Protein backbone atom coordinates (compact mmCIF):
# COMPACT_ATOMS: atom_id res chain seq x y z
CA MET A 1 112.68 170.21 346.37
CA THR A 2 114.74 172.09 343.80
CA ARG A 3 113.34 174.60 341.34
CA ARG A 4 113.86 172.14 338.48
CA GLN A 5 111.90 169.44 340.31
CA GLU A 6 109.11 171.92 341.02
CA ARG A 7 108.84 172.75 337.30
CA ALA A 8 108.75 169.05 336.43
CA MET A 9 106.03 168.43 339.02
CA LEU A 10 104.02 171.39 337.73
CA THR A 11 104.32 170.12 334.15
CA VAL A 12 103.08 166.68 335.19
CA LEU A 13 100.13 168.19 337.04
CA PHE A 14 99.12 170.22 333.97
CA LEU A 15 99.48 167.23 331.62
CA LEU A 16 97.82 164.65 333.86
CA PRO A 17 94.14 165.61 333.24
CA GLY A 18 94.61 165.58 329.45
CA LEU A 19 96.53 162.29 329.55
CA LEU A 20 93.85 160.77 331.76
CA VAL A 21 91.03 161.77 329.39
CA TYR A 22 93.04 160.58 326.36
CA THR A 23 93.73 157.22 328.04
CA ILE A 24 90.09 156.65 328.99
CA PHE A 25 88.51 157.66 325.67
CA VAL A 26 91.25 156.74 323.13
CA VAL A 27 93.86 154.32 324.45
CA TRP A 28 91.52 152.05 326.44
CA PRO A 29 88.90 151.62 323.66
CA GLY A 30 91.74 150.89 321.24
CA LEU A 31 93.12 148.16 323.51
CA GLN A 32 89.60 146.76 323.88
CA ALA A 33 89.31 146.53 320.08
CA PHE A 34 92.43 144.35 319.98
CA TRP A 35 90.98 142.12 322.70
CA LEU A 36 87.52 141.89 321.12
CA SER A 37 88.98 141.00 317.73
CA LEU A 38 89.92 137.61 319.21
CA TYR A 39 86.32 136.78 320.15
CA ASN A 40 82.91 136.20 318.64
CA TRP A 41 80.52 138.48 320.51
CA ASP A 42 77.15 140.02 319.72
CA GLY A 43 77.34 142.57 322.53
CA MET A 44 74.98 140.68 324.86
CA SER A 45 75.66 136.95 325.11
CA PRO A 46 78.97 135.57 326.48
CA ALA A 47 81.93 136.04 324.18
CA THR A 48 83.52 133.01 322.49
CA TYR A 49 87.28 132.94 321.99
CA VAL A 50 88.24 132.28 318.35
CA GLY A 51 91.85 133.48 318.31
CA LEU A 52 92.79 134.69 314.84
CA GLY A 53 89.57 133.30 313.37
CA ASN A 54 88.12 136.74 312.69
CA PHE A 55 91.24 137.79 310.81
CA LEU A 56 91.26 134.60 308.73
CA LYS A 57 87.60 135.18 307.90
CA LEU A 58 88.42 138.79 307.02
CA ALA A 59 91.12 137.64 304.59
CA LYS A 60 88.58 135.49 302.70
CA ASP A 61 85.71 138.01 302.77
CA THR A 62 85.22 139.44 299.26
CA LEU A 63 83.48 142.53 300.63
CA ALA A 64 86.42 143.22 302.96
CA GLN A 65 88.78 142.81 300.02
CA LYS A 66 86.68 145.30 298.03
CA ALA A 67 86.80 147.72 300.96
CA ILE A 68 90.60 147.50 301.12
CA LEU A 69 90.85 148.08 297.35
CA ASN A 70 88.63 151.16 297.65
CA ASN A 71 90.79 152.48 300.49
CA ALA A 72 93.84 151.88 298.29
CA PHE A 73 92.18 153.82 295.45
CA PHE A 74 91.40 156.72 297.81
CA LEU A 75 94.97 156.51 299.10
CA ILE A 76 96.47 156.98 295.64
CA VAL A 77 94.17 158.83 293.22
CA PRO A 78 92.41 161.55 295.30
CA THR A 79 95.56 162.03 297.38
CA LEU A 80 97.71 162.64 294.32
CA ILE A 81 95.17 164.95 292.65
CA THR A 82 94.62 166.90 295.88
CA LEU A 83 98.35 167.35 296.40
CA VAL A 84 98.97 168.53 292.84
CA LEU A 85 96.04 170.98 292.91
CA ALA A 86 96.95 172.33 296.36
CA LEU A 87 100.54 172.94 295.25
CA LEU A 88 99.46 174.50 291.95
CA PHE A 89 96.90 176.83 293.55
CA ALA A 90 99.32 177.81 296.32
CA GLU A 91 102.09 178.56 293.81
CA LEU A 92 99.77 180.65 291.63
CA ILE A 93 98.57 182.66 294.61
CA ARG A 94 102.15 183.06 295.89
CA GLY A 95 103.07 184.39 292.46
CA GLY A 96 100.61 187.26 292.89
CA ILE A 97 97.72 186.20 290.65
CA LYS A 98 94.94 188.80 290.50
CA GLY A 99 92.12 188.18 292.95
CA SER A 100 94.24 185.86 295.09
CA SER A 101 92.32 186.70 298.28
CA PHE A 102 89.02 185.88 296.58
CA PHE A 103 90.37 182.55 295.31
CA GLN A 104 91.66 181.63 298.77
CA VAL A 105 88.21 182.17 300.25
CA VAL A 106 86.46 180.25 297.47
CA PHE A 107 88.81 177.26 297.62
CA PHE A 108 88.76 177.12 301.42
CA PHE A 109 84.96 177.49 301.70
CA PRO A 110 84.17 173.71 301.63
CA ASN A 111 86.16 173.31 304.84
CA LEU A 112 83.72 175.58 306.67
CA LEU A 113 81.12 172.85 306.25
CA SER A 114 81.05 169.57 308.13
CA MET A 115 81.75 166.35 306.25
CA VAL A 116 78.12 165.31 306.72
CA ILE A 117 76.80 168.54 305.18
CA VAL A 118 79.21 168.17 302.25
CA GLY A 119 78.00 164.61 301.72
CA ILE A 120 74.34 165.69 301.73
CA ILE A 121 75.01 168.54 299.28
CA TRP A 122 76.76 166.28 296.80
CA LEU A 123 74.16 163.58 297.31
CA PHE A 124 71.65 166.02 295.81
CA VAL A 125 74.10 167.16 293.11
CA PHE A 126 74.55 163.57 291.94
CA SER A 127 70.83 162.72 292.23
CA PRO A 128 69.75 160.99 288.97
CA ASN A 129 66.46 162.86 288.52
CA LEU A 130 66.65 166.16 290.39
CA GLY A 131 70.44 166.50 290.64
CA LEU A 132 72.25 169.62 289.48
CA LEU A 133 74.84 167.67 287.46
CA ASN A 134 72.33 165.73 285.37
CA GLY A 135 70.18 168.85 285.07
CA VAL A 136 73.08 170.80 283.56
CA LEU A 137 73.94 167.93 281.20
CA ARG A 138 70.36 167.69 280.00
CA GLY A 139 70.14 171.46 279.73
CA VAL A 140 73.06 171.61 277.28
CA GLY A 141 71.78 168.69 275.22
CA LEU A 142 74.06 165.98 276.64
CA ASP A 143 71.27 163.73 277.87
CA GLY A 144 73.32 160.64 277.05
CA LEU A 145 75.90 161.59 279.69
CA ALA A 146 73.29 161.93 282.48
CA LYS A 147 73.67 158.93 284.78
CA PRO A 148 72.78 157.74 288.29
CA TRP A 149 76.33 158.58 289.40
CA LEU A 150 76.05 157.03 292.85
CA GLY A 151 74.09 154.03 291.60
CA VAL A 152 76.58 152.69 289.06
CA PRO A 153 79.35 150.51 290.57
CA GLY A 154 81.96 151.83 288.13
CA LEU A 155 81.15 155.50 288.77
CA VAL A 156 80.45 155.71 292.49
CA VAL A 157 84.08 155.61 293.72
CA PRO A 158 85.29 158.25 291.20
CA ALA A 159 82.29 160.43 292.18
CA ILE A 160 83.19 160.21 295.88
CA SER A 161 86.84 160.84 295.01
CA PHE A 162 85.86 164.04 293.22
CA VAL A 163 84.09 165.27 296.36
CA MET A 164 87.12 164.37 298.49
CA VAL A 165 89.38 166.44 296.23
CA TRP A 166 86.87 169.31 296.12
CA MET A 167 86.83 169.48 299.90
CA ALA A 168 90.51 168.88 300.70
CA ALA A 169 92.41 170.84 298.04
CA GLY A 170 91.55 174.27 299.48
CA TYR A 171 92.51 173.30 303.01
CA TYR A 172 95.98 172.07 302.09
CA MET A 173 96.39 174.98 299.70
CA VAL A 174 96.08 177.37 302.66
CA LEU A 175 98.68 175.39 304.64
CA LEU A 176 101.11 175.50 301.74
CA ILE A 177 100.51 179.22 301.12
CA ALA A 178 101.38 179.93 304.76
CA ALA A 179 104.63 177.97 304.33
CA MET A 180 105.47 179.67 301.02
CA LYS A 181 105.06 183.14 302.52
CA ASN A 182 108.01 182.37 304.82
CA ILE A 183 110.37 181.76 301.89
CA PRO A 184 112.77 184.72 301.50
CA VAL A 185 112.09 186.68 298.31
CA GLU A 186 115.85 187.03 297.85
CA LEU A 187 116.07 183.37 296.84
CA TYR A 188 113.70 183.91 293.90
CA GLU A 189 115.45 187.15 292.94
CA ALA A 190 118.83 185.40 292.90
CA ALA A 191 117.38 182.55 290.82
CA MET A 192 115.91 185.07 288.36
CA LEU A 193 119.30 186.71 287.92
CA ASP A 194 120.74 183.27 287.18
CA GLY A 195 118.15 182.76 284.46
CA ALA A 196 115.91 180.22 286.25
CA ASN A 197 112.43 179.69 284.83
CA TRP A 198 109.18 179.19 286.76
CA PHE A 199 109.49 175.42 286.97
CA GLN A 200 113.06 175.61 288.24
CA ASP A 201 112.01 178.13 290.91
CA PHE A 202 109.17 175.83 291.94
CA TRP A 203 111.19 172.60 291.95
CA PHE A 204 114.50 173.79 293.41
CA ILE A 205 113.32 176.54 295.78
CA THR A 206 109.65 176.23 296.68
CA ILE A 207 109.42 172.45 297.16
CA PRO A 208 112.57 172.13 299.36
CA MET A 209 111.60 175.15 301.45
CA VAL A 210 108.08 173.87 302.22
CA TRP A 211 109.10 170.22 302.55
CA ASP A 212 108.17 169.92 306.23
CA VAL A 213 104.62 171.17 305.59
CA LEU A 214 104.41 169.04 302.45
CA ARG A 215 105.40 165.95 304.43
CA VAL A 216 102.69 166.59 307.00
CA THR A 217 100.20 167.22 304.18
CA ILE A 218 100.94 163.89 302.51
CA THR A 219 100.71 162.05 305.84
CA LEU A 220 97.34 163.64 306.67
CA LEU A 221 96.03 162.78 303.20
CA PHE A 222 97.15 159.17 303.67
CA LEU A 223 95.46 158.92 307.07
CA GLY A 224 92.28 160.55 305.80
CA ALA A 225 92.08 158.09 302.89
CA ILE A 226 92.48 155.06 305.16
CA GLN A 227 90.00 156.34 307.77
CA GLN A 228 87.45 157.68 305.28
CA PHE A 229 83.96 157.13 306.70
CA ALA A 230 81.56 160.06 307.00
CA LEU A 231 81.51 161.06 303.34
CA VAL A 232 81.04 157.49 302.09
CA TRP A 233 78.41 156.71 304.71
CA VAL A 234 76.31 159.79 304.00
CA MET A 235 76.48 159.47 300.22
CA THR A 236 76.20 155.71 299.67
CA GLU A 237 76.57 153.71 302.92
CA GLY A 238 79.05 151.61 300.96
CA GLY A 239 76.67 150.86 298.08
CA PRO A 240 75.59 150.01 295.52
CA ASN A 241 76.17 146.36 296.40
CA GLY A 242 79.38 147.17 298.26
CA ALA A 243 80.94 149.03 295.31
CA SER A 244 82.01 151.96 297.53
CA GLU A 245 82.61 149.98 300.72
CA VAL A 246 85.63 151.07 302.77
CA LEU A 247 87.11 149.54 305.89
CA ALA A 248 85.45 152.07 308.19
CA THR A 249 81.93 151.41 306.82
CA PHE A 250 82.62 147.66 306.79
CA MET A 251 83.66 147.83 310.45
CA TYR A 252 80.67 149.98 311.42
CA LYS A 253 78.12 147.71 309.72
CA ASN A 254 79.48 144.54 311.26
CA ALA A 255 79.85 145.97 314.73
CA PHE A 256 76.71 148.11 315.07
CA ARG A 257 74.29 146.89 312.40
CA TYR A 258 74.91 143.13 312.39
CA PHE A 259 76.12 143.07 316.03
CA ASN A 260 79.19 141.05 315.15
CA ILE A 261 81.42 143.00 317.51
CA GLY A 262 84.46 140.73 317.23
CA TYR A 263 84.49 140.75 313.43
CA GLY A 264 84.04 144.51 313.34
CA SER A 265 86.87 144.92 315.85
CA ALA A 266 89.11 142.81 313.61
CA ALA A 267 88.42 145.25 310.76
CA ALA A 268 89.23 148.13 313.14
CA VAL A 269 92.54 146.47 314.05
CA VAL A 270 93.40 146.14 310.35
CA MET A 271 92.65 149.86 309.94
CA PHE A 272 94.92 150.67 312.88
CA ILE A 273 97.76 148.59 311.41
CA LEU A 274 97.40 150.30 308.02
CA VAL A 275 97.32 153.77 309.60
CA PHE A 276 100.39 152.99 311.72
CA PHE A 277 102.23 151.44 308.76
CA PHE A 278 101.59 154.31 306.35
CA SER A 279 102.37 156.92 309.00
CA LEU A 280 105.70 155.24 309.71
CA ILE A 281 106.53 154.77 306.04
CA SER A 282 105.60 158.32 305.05
CA PHE A 283 107.69 159.91 307.78
CA ARG A 284 110.67 157.60 307.26
CA TRP A 285 110.57 157.77 303.46
CA MET A 286 110.15 161.52 303.34
CA SER A 287 112.42 162.32 306.27
CA ARG A 288 115.13 164.81 305.48
CA ARG A 289 116.65 167.75 307.23
CA SER A 290 114.80 170.99 306.87
CA ILE A 291 116.48 173.74 304.90
CA GLU A 292 117.39 176.63 307.17
CA TYR A 293 118.03 180.21 306.12
């Protein structure tokens, strides 16, 4: 056996345990979801083959349609706001704003908490009677603006979106700051000598130089919006009356609360297709060669 073959064999031996665990706990359950989506099954009695029946039912289900619309809202609005804020904060801190270290810690702090803890905290903040938000509004004489934020269908999704932005902006800000610190200062100095303003520096130097990190950021935000579950479940469980339902909560309820495993698996397959589609689109659409220096 040659030295090259020995290295290949050693690499396979190191990778094999991880690949085995990944296959058992990720790949195999995913394949089972595809198989179960073709059946009606309550988890106990024999499964009944229905073909694409679950998917046809899903297409006509108004609650499933509402869940997809909410996922689409999370995909666009919180993602866009988070991206803009993360870029703005990162650029301000890169520019040497006073107290930049303090601001980095403050903005990143929400990411030290689990999603469940964040959901519980904001559940109390938005509480109609004892919540901090309504308490502040009443304290400054704006009683008319105090509302049951998580109990009004038109307000619950924006309220959850606000929490999503609050939690995510600091995390992606830190990623972008790390990328911006690798940009040579000489580029900004040369642009200054040419008379470039702040926006021109940002648009023609900063954005192209951090494009790889920005592309990953956008992709992660897309995936997080499609797979959003913990925050919605803790704060509303998809309520009131399905107003904040998302595909993940819809899938969970059908599979583990109503024991309609096949229907829940169909929703999971739809989630997988959306995640795969948006991952492919985001990488293909935003693909470009990195700028080297």
